[in-house]
Amino acid sequence: MAIKSLSIRIDENMLNKLHVVADYEGRSANSEILVLIREAIEKYEEKHGKIEIDNK
């Protein structure tokens, strides 16, 4: 599995809050974002079924 990079624009206040949450959870901001993305995907799949990706 290749690791890809993603750049996002984020409001400074939201970024500061993300750092607080990440610190509380003992994670980096990047790791916290990955956890939140995984949770969002799991929630989506629970509602809509498994997402099948054709990785060619």
Protein backbone atom coordinates (compact mmCIF):
# COMPACT_ATOMS: atom_id res chain seq x y z
CA MET A 1 0.00 0.00 0.00
CA ALA A 2 1.47 3.32 -1.08
CA ILE A 3 1.37 6.23 1.33
CA LYS A 4 -0.05 9.35 -0.29
CA SER A 5 0.13 12.94 0.82
CA LEU A 6 -2.87 15.27 1.07
CA SER A 7 -2.76 19.00 1.63
CA ILE A 8 -5.77 20.77 3.16
CA ARG A 9 -6.71 24.33 3.93
CA ILE A 10 -7.89 24.75 7.52
CA ASP A 11 -8.95 27.73 9.55
CA GLU A 12 -6.35 28.61 12.21
CA ASN A 13 -8.89 28.33 15.05
CA MET A 14 -9.96 24.88 13.90
CA LEU A 15 -6.32 23.80 13.57
CA ASN A 16 -5.59 24.98 17.10
CA LYS A 17 -8.58 23.01 18.39
CA LEU A 18 -7.42 19.94 16.45
CA HIS A 19 -4.05 20.17 18.19
CA VAL A 20 -5.78 20.31 21.59
CA VAL A 21 -7.83 17.18 20.79
CA ALA A 22 -4.79 15.38 19.36
CA ASP A 23 -2.68 16.23 22.41
CA TYR A 24 -5.45 14.99 24.70
CA GLU A 25 -5.58 11.70 22.78
CA GLY A 26 -1.77 11.41 22.80
CA ARG A 27 -1.50 11.71 19.04
CA SER A 28 0.01 14.04 16.48
CA ALA A 29 -2.42 16.20 14.50
CA ASN A 30 -1.75 14.00 11.45
CA SER A 31 -2.56 10.81 13.38
CA GLU A 32 -5.70 12.39 14.81
CA ILE A 33 -6.89 13.32 11.31
CA LEU A 34 -6.32 9.72 10.15
CA VAL A 35 -8.37 8.41 13.09
CA LEU A 36 -11.20 10.81 12.26
CA ILE A 37 -11.12 9.82 8.58
CA ARG A 38 -11.21 6.09 9.47
CA GLU A 39 -14.17 6.69 11.80
CA ALA A 40 -16.02 8.62 9.09
CA ILE A 41 -15.44 5.84 6.56
CA GLU A 42 -16.59 3.17 9.03
CA LYS A 43 -19.75 5.17 9.77
CA TYR A 44 -20.43 5.61 6.05
CA GLU A 45 -19.93 1.90 5.38
CA GLU A 46 -22.24 0.93 8.24
CA LYS A 47 -24.98 2.99 6.63
CA HIS A 48 -24.29 2.40 2.92
CA GLY A 49 -22.32 -0.85 2.73
CA LYS A 50 -18.66 -1.59 2.17
CA ILE A 51 -16.84 0.66 -0.27
CA GLU A 52 -15.12 -1.43 -2.93
CA ILE A 53 -12.09 0.20 -4.55
CA ASP A 54 -10.51 -1.23 -7.71
CA ASN A 55 -6.79 -0.56 -7.13
CA LYS A 56 -5.17 -1.02 -10.52
